[in-house]
Amino acid sequence: MRFKLEGAQIAAPTTTGTASTVENGIEVSVYNNSTTAYLVTVVTAASGSVVGTITLGGGEREVIVKDRAHAIFAANAAVLLTSINTRV
């Protein structure tokens, strides 16, 4: 997949109160740097309502498309988040 990096990679916050907008990104690369599956959650804002969840298997990478204001957190900081742009 071809994409442009839009910011630095961060370890996923692990609580809804610390959920990150990932630099207000619309497209976020989500990589599980572990062998254990972890739940990833998108919320309307830090401490906000749940928009959706996905379980990311060990070593898996997905792209989540979200609203700029939406925030992401995961069950473990082994999940890494990077704002990207696939429309290049």
Protein backbone atom coordinates (compact mmCIF):
# COMPACT_ATOMS: atom_id res chain seq x y z
CA MET A 1 0.00 0.00 0.00
CA ARG A 2 1.21 3.47 -0.86
CA PHE A 3 0.75 6.26 1.69
CA LYS A 4 2.20 9.52 2.98
CA LEU A 5 3.21 9.82 6.63
CA GLU A 6 1.33 12.66 8.32
CA GLY A 7 2.96 12.48 11.75
CA ALA A 8 5.12 10.57 14.18
CA GLN A 9 4.25 7.06 15.34
CA ILE A 10 2.95 6.84 18.92
CA ALA A 11 2.16 4.03 21.31
CA ALA A 12 -1.60 3.80 21.68
CA PRO A 13 -3.02 5.31 24.85
CA THR A 14 -4.64 2.60 26.98
CA THR A 15 -7.64 4.40 28.48
CA THR A 16 -10.55 6.33 27.04
CA GLY A 17 -9.53 9.41 29.05
CA THR A 18 -6.15 9.54 27.31
CA ALA A 19 -7.39 8.54 23.84
CA SER A 20 -5.57 10.33 21.00
CA THR A 21 -6.82 11.97 17.80
CA VAL A 22 -3.44 10.90 16.34
CA GLU A 23 -2.63 14.43 15.20
CA ASN A 24 -6.24 14.95 14.07
CA GLY A 25 -5.67 12.31 11.40
CA ILE A 26 -8.48 11.01 9.22
CA GLU A 27 -6.60 7.84 8.23
CA VAL A 28 -4.60 6.08 10.93
CA SER A 29 -2.24 3.15 10.47
CA VAL A 30 -2.77 0.81 13.42
CA TYR A 31 -0.05 -1.83 13.96
CA ASN A 32 -0.02 -4.46 16.69
CA ASN A 33 3.64 -4.92 17.60
CA SER A 34 2.88 -7.99 19.71
CA THR A 35 1.91 -11.63 19.31
CA THR A 36 -1.24 -11.09 21.41
CA ALA A 37 -4.52 -9.80 19.96
CA TYR A 38 -5.68 -6.46 21.40
CA LEU A 39 -8.92 -4.47 21.19
CA VAL A 40 -8.68 -1.05 19.51
CA THR A 41 -11.44 1.46 20.22
CA VAL A 42 -12.48 4.65 18.41
CA VAL A 43 -14.36 7.19 20.55
CA THR A 44 -15.99 10.54 19.73
CA ALA A 45 -13.36 12.31 21.87
CA ALA A 46 -11.20 11.47 24.90
CA SER A 47 -13.65 10.02 27.47
CA GLY A 48 -16.37 10.16 24.78
CA SER A 49 -18.87 7.65 23.44
CA VAL A 50 -17.66 4.57 21.58
CA VAL A 51 -17.85 4.83 17.78
CA GLY A 52 -16.53 1.33 17.14
CA THR A 53 -14.04 -1.37 18.08
CA ILE A 54 -11.83 -3.88 16.30
CA THR A 55 -9.65 -6.70 17.56
CA LEU A 56 -6.21 -6.52 15.97
CA GLY A 57 -4.30 -9.80 15.90
CA GLY A 58 -0.62 -10.00 16.74
CA GLY A 59 1.54 -8.55 13.96
CA GLU A 60 -1.47 -7.18 12.06
CA ARG A 61 -1.70 -3.72 10.48
CA GLU A 62 -4.94 -2.00 9.46
CA VAL A 63 -5.96 1.48 8.39
CA ILE A 64 -8.78 3.06 10.38
CA VAL A 65 -10.69 5.93 8.76
CA LYS A 66 -12.21 8.29 11.33
CA ASP A 67 -13.40 11.85 11.81
CA ARG A 68 -10.63 14.33 12.75
CA ALA A 69 -12.09 14.84 16.24
CA HIS A 70 -12.46 11.11 16.95
CA ALA A 71 -9.84 9.58 19.22
CA ILE A 72 -8.30 6.10 19.49
CA PHE A 73 -7.07 3.98 22.38
CA ALA A 74 -6.11 0.30 22.67
CA ALA A 75 -6.01 -2.40 25.32
CA ASN A 76 -2.19 -2.34 25.27
CA ALA A 77 0.53 0.16 24.32
CA ALA A 78 2.07 -2.46 21.98
CA VAL A 79 -0.45 -1.11 19.46
CA LEU A 80 1.23 1.66 17.46
CA LEU A 81 -0.63 4.51 15.74
CA THR A 82 0.49 6.75 12.87
CA SER A 83 -1.51 9.37 10.98
CA ILE A 84 -1.25 8.66 7.24
CA ASN A 85 -2.75 9.75 3.93
CA THR A 86 -3.52 7.01 1.39
CA ARG A 87 -4.84 9.51 -1.18
CA VAL A 88 -1.43 10.29 -2.70
